[in-house]
């Protein structure tokens, strides 16, 4: 135990083993859905479900272990939502490329991220982000996570063309369960009860099983699926064509910005950022993320990186890599306990995401609302992340609008060279994005 405390610097980070374990469990339970959701989406690309599920879990194990042991940060890594849908429905579905070639593009983007990380480019660009935009990342991600929680738990549903979102069936047992779960978590949070989020997830899930509102697990243990059909199946040569340039650029940009936003947003909630709003030693979590982007396509799945759901564990008190190690261990068990994990209903995890989202929006009080050249780009980030259901689009809008409005307001000197690089990268993203 002494070795664990010393290695992860628990005392220096005002935490302990018990808190870190609770945080790891909370993070895992809010992101365990990826075990079945990711392969369910990638089936549309032609990737077989069973092998894809194994690849998803193993990617999460390796990536999160690297983050925990090497970077000593409580960030969990797994295949990204959004990027998987982009590959399944756009790259493979609309553009007609094979999933093997798509995985080749993910691998190439991982190589580019590693080169950029070692060159110090990611740190330079991250530190060049204006303070107001950094706060907007946390607020925007909070709103996005809360929105996803509302949709997943069916408290909010897809509406009509004139009203895109609509209140769900509030008399539905499943929605009532989700609302009750949120009230439970919120009440415990107000009372400052430790482990409120994790407790809320467990209690809500059990209540759903006992009442029959959601299906109970059909089994407890199962053998891991065979990963052979997707392992080492990526096609790197097929990536090198002009027509595939937009795909590689989009995957690279989404991965780069999603990770940057996730790290900064969750770090802001955890209190990791320094007085300038920068994350110390950010190269380490960046490198862990980049390595996971190489591991994922080799194993047979799509772009991976730091999960926004890591904010759940941070909310419980997780502050070190021990939280991430716990998440990795639980993912490893997931290879054998996938029936139970898959049974945890959205009515239980959705309320937790809503609460986490609300907590992440606290930095809004630090934003500058009086200087419009700062406010407009930041608000664009916050709004578009949720309204487009795409974190990459929201981030890119901020990086494009910020320099423009600084020039318009006669404050061009406030825009650094690195910020102009981000402007060009994001402008290219919008130009080549396969709408």
Protein backbone atom coordinates (compact mmCIF):
# COMPACT_ATOMS: atom_id res chain seq x y z
CA UNK A 1 0.00 0.00 0.00
CA UNK A 2 2.91 2.35 0.78
CA UNK A 3 4.32 1.74 -2.70
CA UNK A 4 0.96 2.60 -4.29
CA UNK A 5 0.65 5.83 -2.29
CA UNK A 6 4.21 6.84 -3.15
CA UNK A 7 4.08 5.87 -6.83
CA UNK A 8 0.83 7.72 -7.55
CA UNK A 9 1.65 10.58 -5.14
CA UNK A 10 -1.68 10.26 -3.38
CA UNK A 11 -0.89 12.53 -0.41
CA UNK A 12 0.47 15.24 -2.69
CA UNK A 13 -2.84 15.19 -4.54
CA UNK A 14 -4.96 15.16 -1.37
CA UNK A 15 -6.50 11.76 -2.04
CA UNK A 16 -6.30 8.17 -0.83
CA UNK A 17 -6.62 4.62 -2.12
CA UNK A 18 -10.29 4.27 -1.16
CA UNK A 19 -11.26 7.48 -2.95
CA UNK A 20 -9.27 6.55 -6.05
CA UNK A 21 -10.90 3.13 -6.25
CA UNK A 22 -14.38 4.66 -5.87
CA UNK A 23 -13.53 7.19 -8.57
CA UNK A 24 -12.31 4.47 -10.91
CA UNK A 25 -15.50 2.46 -10.42
CA UNK A 26 -17.63 5.57 -11.05
CA UNK A 27 -15.77 6.45 -14.25
CA UNK A 28 -15.97 2.88 -15.49
CA UNK A 29 -19.68 2.55 -14.85
CA UNK A 30 -20.46 5.74 -16.77
CA UNK A 31 -18.40 4.64 -19.78
CA UNK A 32 -18.96 0.87 -19.68
CA UNK A 33 -21.61 1.40 -22.36
CA UNK A 34 -18.78 1.72 -24.89
CA UNK A 35 -18.18 -2.03 -24.56
CA UNK A 36 -21.39 -2.75 -26.47
CA UNK A 37 -22.22 0.59 -28.12
CA UNK A 38 -18.94 0.91 -30.05
CA UNK A 39 -19.17 -2.52 -31.73
CA UNK A 40 -22.90 -1.98 -32.33
CA UNK A 41 -22.07 1.14 -34.35
CA UNK A 42 -19.10 -0.40 -36.17
CA UNK A 43 -21.27 -3.27 -37.39
CA UNK A 44 -22.55 -0.75 -39.96
CA UNK A 45 -19.00 -0.56 -41.33
CA UNK A 46 -18.84 -4.34 -41.68
CA UNK A 47 -16.77 -5.00 -38.55
CA UNK A 48 -18.09 -8.14 -36.76
CA UNK A 49 -19.64 -7.42 -33.35
CA UNK A 50 -17.90 -9.98 -31.12
CA UNK A 51 -14.32 -9.34 -32.26
CA UNK A 52 -15.04 -5.60 -32.25
CA UNK A 53 -16.18 -5.76 -28.63
CA UNK A 54 -12.96 -7.55 -27.64
CA UNK A 55 -10.91 -4.94 -29.51
CA UNK A 56 -12.82 -2.14 -27.77
CA UNK A 57 -12.12 -3.55 -24.31
CA UNK A 58 -8.44 -4.35 -24.92
CA UNK A 59 -7.86 -0.88 -26.39
CA UNK A 60 -9.39 0.67 -23.29
CA UNK A 61 -7.23 -1.50 -21.03
CA UNK A 62 -3.94 -0.64 -22.72
CA UNK A 63 -4.68 3.04 -23.28
CA UNK A 64 -5.98 3.67 -19.77
CA UNK A 65 -3.07 1.79 -18.16
CA UNK A 66 -0.61 3.95 -20.07
CA UNK A 67 -2.47 7.07 -18.95
CA UNK A 68 -2.53 5.95 -15.32
CA UNK A 69 0.98 4.54 -14.94
CA UNK A 70 2.90 6.89 -17.25
CA UNK A 71 0.96 10.17 -17.03
CA UNK A 72 -0.46 9.64 -13.49
CA UNK A 73 -3.73 11.29 -14.44
CA UNK A 74 -7.29 10.05 -13.71
CA UNK A 75 -8.28 10.07 -17.39
CA UNK A 76 -9.72 6.91 -18.92
CA UNK A 77 -9.08 6.07 -22.56
CA UNK A 78 -11.41 4.16 -24.90
CA UNK A 79 -12.68 4.33 -28.50
CA UNK A 80 -14.37 7.68 -29.10
CA UNK A 81 -18.04 8.14 -29.78
CA UNK A 82 -18.52 10.40 -32.79
CA UNK A 83 -15.41 9.23 -34.57
CA UNK A 84 -16.78 5.68 -34.67
CA UNK A 85 -20.04 6.92 -36.19
CA UNK A 86 -18.13 9.08 -38.69
CA UNK A 87 -16.15 6.04 -39.85
CA UNK A 88 -19.10 3.66 -39.87
CA UNK A 89 -21.73 5.84 -41.53
CA UNK A 90 -19.69 8.34 -43.57
CA UNK A 91 -16.31 6.83 -44.46
CA UNK A 92 -17.61 3.30 -45.02
CA UNK A 93 -21.31 3.91 -45.58
CA UNK A 94 -21.42 7.04 -47.76
CA UNK A 95 -17.90 7.20 -49.24
CA UNK A 96 -17.69 3.43 -49.73
CA UNK A 97 -14.25 2.75 -48.27
CA UNK A 98 -13.54 -0.53 -46.50
CA UNK A 99 -13.28 -0.65 -42.73
CA UNK A 100 -9.74 -1.96 -43.13
CA UNK A 101 -8.73 1.23 -44.97
CA UNK A 102 -10.57 3.35 -42.41
CA UNK A 103 -8.52 1.70 -39.65
CA UNK A 104 -5.43 2.48 -41.68
CA UNK A 105 -6.40 6.15 -41.55
CA UNK A 106 -6.81 5.95 -37.77
CA UNK A 107 -3.33 4.41 -37.51
CA UNK A 108 -1.82 7.16 -39.66
CA UNK A 109 -3.49 9.86 -37.58
CA UNK A 110 -2.01 8.21 -34.48
CA UNK A 111 1.47 8.38 -36.01
CA UNK A 112 0.95 12.08 -36.80
CA UNK A 113 -0.21 12.72 -33.22
CA UNK A 114 2.89 11.02 -31.80
CA UNK A 115 5.19 13.07 -34.05
CA UNK A 116 3.38 16.27 -33.10
CA UNK A 117 3.56 15.33 -29.41
CA UNK A 118 7.31 14.63 -29.44
CA UNK A 119 7.89 17.83 -31.41
CA UNK A 120 6.08 19.75 -28.69
CA UNK A 121 3.48 21.01 -31.15
CA UNK A 122 0.45 19.84 -29.19
CA UNK A 123 1.66 21.55 -26.01
CA UNK A 124 2.44 24.78 -27.86
CA UNK A 125 -0.97 24.89 -29.51
CA UNK A 126 -2.73 23.91 -26.28
CA UNK A 127 -1.00 26.69 -24.33
CA UNK A 128 -1.81 29.14 -27.13
CA UNK A 129 -5.53 28.67 -26.59
CA UNK A 130 -7.04 31.89 -25.20
CA UNK A 131 -8.21 31.68 -21.59
CA UNK A 132 -11.85 32.33 -22.44
CA UNK A 133 -11.86 29.46 -24.95
CA UNK A 134 -10.32 27.12 -22.37
CA UNK A 135 -13.16 27.84 -19.97
CA UNK A 136 -15.65 27.39 -22.80
CA UNK A 137 -14.29 23.86 -23.39
CA UNK A 138 -15.26 22.80 -19.88
CA UNK A 139 -18.64 24.55 -20.06
CA UNK A 140 -19.36 23.23 -23.56
CA UNK A 141 -18.36 19.69 -22.66
CA UNK A 142 -20.48 19.94 -19.53
CA UNK A 143 -23.52 21.00 -21.53
CA UNK A 144 -22.78 18.29 -24.09
CA UNK A 145 -22.42 15.55 -21.47
CA UNK A 146 -25.61 16.70 -19.74
CA UNK A 147 -27.43 16.72 -23.09
CA UNK A 148 -26.18 13.22 -23.94
CA UNK A 149 -27.34 12.06 -20.51
CA UNK A 150 -30.78 13.55 -21.09
CA UNK A 151 -31.07 11.88 -24.50
CA UNK A 152 -29.68 8.52 -23.36
CA UNK A 153 -32.09 8.37 -20.44
CA UNK A 154 -34.97 9.45 -22.77
CA UNK A 155 -35.86 12.46 -20.64
CA UNK A 156 -35.30 14.32 -23.92
CA UNK A 157 -36.11 12.78 -27.30
CA UNK A 158 -35.71 13.69 -30.94
CA UNK A 159 -38.60 15.91 -31.95
CA UNK A 160 -39.74 17.28 -35.30
CA UNK A 161 -38.20 19.50 -37.96
CA UNK A 162 -39.61 22.62 -36.32
CA UNK A 163 -38.73 21.46 -32.80
CA UNK A 164 -35.64 19.21 -33.07
CA UNK A 165 -35.76 18.10 -29.43
CA UNK A 166 -38.78 17.28 -27.35
CA UNK A 167 -39.50 16.27 -23.77
CA UNK A 168 -39.69 12.50 -23.40
CA UNK A 169 -42.57 10.42 -22.10
CA UNK A 170 -42.42 11.50 -18.49
CA UNK A 171 -44.99 8.86 -17.56
CA UNK A 172 -42.78 6.08 -18.93
CA UNK A 173 -41.41 3.79 -16.16
CA UNK A 174 -37.91 4.00 -17.66
CA UNK A 175 -37.96 7.81 -17.72
CA UNK A 176 -39.40 7.93 -14.19
CA UNK A 177 -36.53 5.67 -13.11
CA UNK A 178 -34.00 8.02 -14.72
CA UNK A 179 -35.54 11.12 -13.14
CA UNK A 180 -35.58 9.39 -9.77
CA UNK A 181 -31.94 8.45 -10.27
CA UNK A 182 -31.02 12.06 -11.00
CA UNK A 183 -32.92 13.34 -7.97
CA UNK A 184 -31.14 10.74 -5.81
CA UNK A 185 -27.69 11.72 -7.13
CA UNK A 186 -28.47 15.44 -6.87
CA UNK A 187 -29.81 15.10 -3.34
CA UNK A 188 -26.72 13.20 -2.18
CA UNK A 189 -24.51 15.76 -3.93
CA UNK A 190 -26.30 18.63 -2.18
CA UNK A 191 -25.81 16.80 1.14
CA UNK A 192 -22.13 16.34 0.18
CA UNK A 193 -22.29 12.57 0.54
CA UNK A 194 -19.14 10.94 -0.82
CA UNK A 195 -19.60 8.62 -3.76
CA UNK A 196 -22.98 10.16 -4.62
CA UNK A 197 -22.62 9.54 -8.34
CA UNK A 198 -21.46 5.94 -8.04
CA UNK A 199 -24.08 5.15 -5.41
CA UNK A 200 -26.77 6.68 -7.60
CA UNK A 201 -25.77 4.54 -10.58
CA UNK A 202 -25.78 1.31 -8.56
CA UNK A 203 -29.04 2.01 -6.70
CA UNK A 204 -30.86 3.10 -9.87
CA UNK A 205 -29.66 0.06 -11.81
CA UNK A 206 -30.70 -2.35 -9.05
CA UNK A 207 -34.09 -0.63 -8.76
CA UNK A 208 -34.55 -1.07 -12.51
CA UNK A 209 -33.68 -4.78 -12.35
CA UNK A 210 -35.84 -5.51 -9.31
CA UNK A 211 -38.92 -3.74 -10.67
CA UNK A 212 -38.50 -5.20 -14.13
CA UNK A 213 -38.37 -1.76 -15.73
CA UNK A 214 -35.14 -2.76 -17.48
CA UNK A 215 -34.00 -6.29 -18.37
CA UNK A 216 -31.81 -8.04 -15.82
CA UNK A 217 -28.49 -9.57 -16.92
CA UNK A 218 -29.08 -12.88 -18.68
CA UNK A 219 -25.70 -14.19 -17.52
CA UNK A 220 -22.89 -13.21 -15.22
CA UNK A 221 -19.79 -14.56 -16.95
CA UNK A 222 -18.98 -15.32 -20.59
CA UNK A 223 -15.83 -16.19 -22.50
CA UNK A 224 -14.13 -13.31 -24.38
CA UNK A 225 -14.92 -13.16 -28.10
CA UNK A 226 -12.25 -14.15 -30.63
CA UNK A 227 -10.42 -11.01 -31.80
CA UNK A 228 -8.71 -12.72 -34.77
CA UNK A 229 -11.11 -11.47 -37.51
CA UNK A 230 -10.19 -7.82 -36.81
CA UNK A 231 -6.67 -8.05 -35.35
CA UNK A 232 -3.98 -6.61 -37.68
CA UNK A 233 -6.51 -6.19 -40.49
CA UNK A 234 -5.85 -2.47 -41.10
CA UNK A 235 -4.99 -1.39 -44.65
CA UNK A 236 -2.36 1.36 -44.48
CA UNK A 237 -1.45 1.37 -48.19
CA UNK A 238 -5.05 2.14 -49.19
CA UNK A 239 -4.91 5.39 -47.22
CA UNK A 240 -2.41 6.98 -49.58
CA UNK A 241 -4.77 8.38 -52.17
CA UNK A 242 -5.85 11.98 -52.76
CA UNK A 243 -9.50 11.12 -52.28
CA UNK A 244 -8.74 9.84 -48.78
CA UNK A 245 -7.00 13.05 -47.70
CA UNK A 246 -10.18 14.58 -46.29
CA UNK A 247 -10.86 11.44 -44.26
CA UNK A 248 -7.39 11.41 -42.68
CA UNK A 249 -7.57 15.15 -42.00
CA UNK A 250 -11.00 14.84 -40.37
CA UNK A 251 -9.99 11.87 -38.18
CA UNK A 252 -6.76 13.62 -37.14
CA UNK A 253 -8.46 16.93 -36.35
CA UNK A 254 -11.33 15.35 -34.42
CA UNK A 255 -8.93 13.24 -32.36
CA UNK A 256 -6.56 16.16 -31.71
CA UNK A 257 -9.29 18.55 -30.63
CA UNK A 258 -11.49 16.06 -28.76
CA UNK A 259 -8.55 15.01 -26.60
CA UNK A 260 -7.42 18.59 -26.02
CA UNK A 261 -10.92 19.65 -25.00
CA UNK A 262 -11.42 16.60 -22.82
CA UNK A 263 -8.12 17.01 -20.99
CA UNK A 264 -8.58 20.73 -20.39
CA UNK A 265 -12.27 20.45 -19.51
CA UNK A 266 -11.85 17.62 -17.01
CA UNK A 267 -8.63 19.16 -15.65
CA UNK A 268 -10.47 22.41 -14.99
CA UNK A 269 -13.02 20.51 -12.91
CA UNK A 270 -10.26 18.66 -11.04
CA UNK A 271 -8.28 21.82 -10.34
CA UNK A 272 -5.24 20.62 -12.30
CA UNK A 273 -4.82 23.79 -14.37
CA UNK A 274 -2.24 26.39 -13.33
CA UNK A 275 -2.89 30.12 -13.02
CA UNK A 276 -2.62 30.51 -16.80
CA UNK A 277 -5.16 27.78 -17.44
CA UNK A 278 -2.55 25.25 -18.64
CA UNK A 279 -2.19 21.61 -17.60
CA UNK A 280 1.32 20.90 -16.24
CA UNK A 281 3.17 18.04 -18.00
CA UNK A 282 0.41 17.84 -20.60
CA UNK A 283 2.82 16.05 -22.95
CA UNK A 284 2.38 12.83 -20.93
CA UNK A 285 -1.42 12.48 -21.28
CA UNK A 286 -1.08 13.63 -24.90
CA UNK A 287 1.43 10.85 -25.57
CA UNK A 288 -0.74 8.26 -23.83
CA UNK A 289 -3.60 9.36 -26.06
CA UNK A 290 -1.46 9.22 -29.22
CA UNK A 291 -0.18 5.72 -28.43
CA UNK A 292 -3.74 4.51 -27.89
CA UNK A 293 -4.56 5.81 -31.37
CA UNK A 294 -1.98 3.41 -32.78
CA UNK A 295 -3.03 0.48 -30.60
CA UNK A 296 -6.74 0.81 -31.44
CA UNK A 297 -6.61 0.18 -35.23
CA UNK A 298 -4.03 -2.58 -34.78
CA UNK A 299 -6.44 -4.37 -32.46
CA UNK A 300 -9.34 -3.68 -34.79
CA UNK A 301 -11.26 -0.62 -33.60
CA UNK A 302 -11.49 3.11 -34.24
CA UNK A 303 -10.01 6.34 -32.85
CA UNK A 304 -9.53 6.30 -29.10
CA UNK A 305 -8.60 8.92 -26.53
CA UNK A 306 -9.34 10.48 -23.17
CA UNK A 307 -13.03 10.08 -22.33
CA UNK A 308 -15.10 13.00 -21.09
CA UNK A 309 -16.77 10.54 -18.70
CA UNK A 310 -13.52 10.71 -16.72
CA UNK A 311 -15.17 13.78 -15.20
CA UNK A 312 -17.42 11.38 -13.27
CA UNK A 313 -14.46 9.90 -11.41
CA UNK A 314 -13.00 13.34 -10.85
CA UNK A 315 -16.35 14.35 -9.39
CA UNK A 316 -16.06 11.46 -6.93
CA UNK A 317 -12.58 12.65 -5.94
CA UNK A 318 -10.18 10.86 -8.30
CA UNK A 319 -6.99 12.86 -8.74
CA UNK A 320 -4.24 10.45 -9.80
CA UNK A 321 -3.40 7.66 -12.21
CA UNK A 322 -4.61 5.11 -9.69
CA UNK A 323 -8.15 6.01 -10.74
CA UNK A 324 -7.21 5.19 -14.34
CA UNK A 325 -5.56 1.91 -13.32
CA UNK A 326 -8.78 0.87 -11.55
CA UNK A 327 -10.73 1.68 -14.72
CA UNK A 328 -8.29 -0.41 -16.79
CA UNK A 329 -8.62 -3.39 -14.43
CA UNK A 330 -12.42 -3.19 -14.58
CA UNK A 331 -12.30 -3.08 -18.38
CA UNK A 332 -10.12 -6.21 -18.30
CA UNK A 333 -12.75 -7.95 -16.15
CA UNK A 334 -15.25 -6.70 -18.71
CA UNK A 335 -13.90 -9.27 -21.15
CA UNK A 336 -15.51 -11.91 -18.93
CA UNK A 337 -18.39 -9.94 -17.35
CA UNK A 338 -19.74 -8.17 -20.41
CA UNK A 339 -23.33 -9.50 -19.88
CA UNK A 340 -23.59 -7.65 -16.54
CA UNK A 341 -21.95 -4.46 -17.79
CA UNK A 342 -24.10 -4.41 -20.90
CA UNK A 343 -27.19 -4.66 -18.70
CA UNK A 344 -26.49 -1.41 -16.79
CA UNK A 345 -29.29 0.76 -18.21
CA UNK A 346 -29.03 4.27 -19.61
CA UNK A 347 -31.64 5.16 -16.98
CA UNK A 348 -28.84 4.65 -14.42
CA UNK A 349 -25.83 6.12 -16.26
CA UNK A 350 -27.76 8.99 -17.90
CA UNK A 351 -28.58 10.78 -14.62
CA UNK A 352 -24.91 10.51 -13.60
CA UNK A 353 -23.87 12.15 -16.87
CA UNK A 354 -26.38 14.96 -16.31
CA UNK A 355 -24.96 15.70 -12.86
CA UNK A 356 -21.37 15.51 -14.11
CA UNK A 357 -22.28 17.89 -16.92
CA UNK A 358 -23.76 20.37 -14.47
CA UNK A 359 -20.62 20.27 -12.33
CA UNK A 360 -18.40 20.81 -15.37
CA UNK A 361 -20.23 24.02 -16.27
CA UNK A 362 -19.00 25.84 -13.16
CA UNK A 363 -16.07 27.60 -14.95
CA UNK A 364 -18.64 29.72 -16.81
CA UNK A 365 -18.34 32.20 -13.92
CA UNK A 366 -14.71 32.79 -14.92
CA UNK A 367 -15.52 33.69 -18.52
CA UNK A 368 -15.25 37.24 -19.83
CA UNK A 369 -18.74 38.32 -20.89
CA UNK A 370 -17.90 41.98 -21.45
CA UNK A 371 -15.40 41.66 -24.32
CA UNK A 372 -17.40 40.52 -27.35
CA UNK A 373 -14.35 39.40 -29.35
CA UNK A 374 -13.77 36.89 -26.51
CA UNK A 375 -17.42 36.08 -25.82
CA UNK A 376 -18.68 35.26 -29.33
CA UNK A 377 -16.13 32.49 -30.10
CA UNK A 378 -16.52 31.01 -26.61
CA UNK A 379 -20.32 30.90 -26.80
CA UNK A 380 -20.07 29.37 -30.29
CA UNK A 381 -18.01 26.52 -28.79
CA UNK A 382 -20.51 25.95 -25.98
CA UNK A 383 -23.60 26.03 -28.20
CA UNK A 384 -22.33 24.13 -31.24
CA UNK A 385 -20.83 21.26 -29.23
CA UNK A 386 -24.34 20.31 -28.12
CA UNK A 387 -26.51 21.61 -30.96
CA UNK A 388 -24.48 19.77 -33.61
CA UNK A 389 -23.90 16.77 -31.32
CA UNK A 390 -20.27 17.00 -32.43
CA UNK A 391 -17.48 18.16 -30.13
CA UNK A 392 -15.11 18.68 -33.07
CA UNK A 393 -17.46 21.09 -34.83
CA UNK A 394 -17.90 23.16 -31.66
CA UNK A 395 -14.18 23.37 -31.00
CA UNK A 396 -13.29 24.26 -34.56
CA UNK A 397 -15.88 27.03 -34.65
CA UNK A 398 -14.17 28.70 -31.68
CA UNK A 399 -10.72 28.51 -33.21
CA UNK A 400 -11.99 29.94 -36.50
CA UNK A 401 -14.04 32.76 -34.97
CA UNK A 402 -11.54 33.90 -32.34
CA UNK A 403 -8.84 35.29 -34.69
CA UNK A 404 -11.47 36.74 -37.01
CA UNK A 405 -13.15 38.77 -34.30
CA UNK A 406 -9.83 39.87 -32.84
CA UNK A 407 -8.93 41.26 -36.25
CA UNK A 408 -12.36 42.88 -36.64
CA UNK A 409 -12.05 44.49 -33.19
CA UNK A 410 -8.60 45.83 -34.00
CA UNK A 411 -6.80 43.52 -31.58
CA UNK A 412 -4.83 41.41 -34.03
CA UNK A 413 -1.74 41.54 -31.80
CA UNK A 414 -3.54 39.40 -29.20
CA UNK A 415 -3.57 36.47 -31.63
CA UNK A 416 -0.44 34.30 -31.38
CA UNK A 417 1.18 32.44 -34.26
CA UNK A 418 0.09 29.09 -32.79
CA UNK A 419 -3.52 30.33 -32.64
CA UNK A 420 -3.32 31.14 -36.36
CA UNK A 421 -2.09 27.57 -36.95
CA UNK A 422 -5.17 26.29 -35.13
CA UNK A 423 -7.28 28.67 -37.23
CA UNK A 424 -5.91 27.18 -40.46
CA UNK A 425 -6.27 23.60 -39.21
CA UNK A 426 -9.89 24.15 -38.20
CA UNK A 427 -10.75 26.11 -41.34
CA UNK A 428 -9.39 23.19 -43.39
CA UNK A 429 -11.49 20.87 -41.23
CA UNK A 430 -14.67 22.71 -42.23
CA UNK A 431 -13.65 22.86 -45.89
CA UNK A 432 -12.93 19.16 -46.27
CA UNK A 433 -15.41 17.73 -43.76
CA UNK A 434 -17.62 15.15 -45.58
CA UNK A 435 -20.98 16.73 -44.76
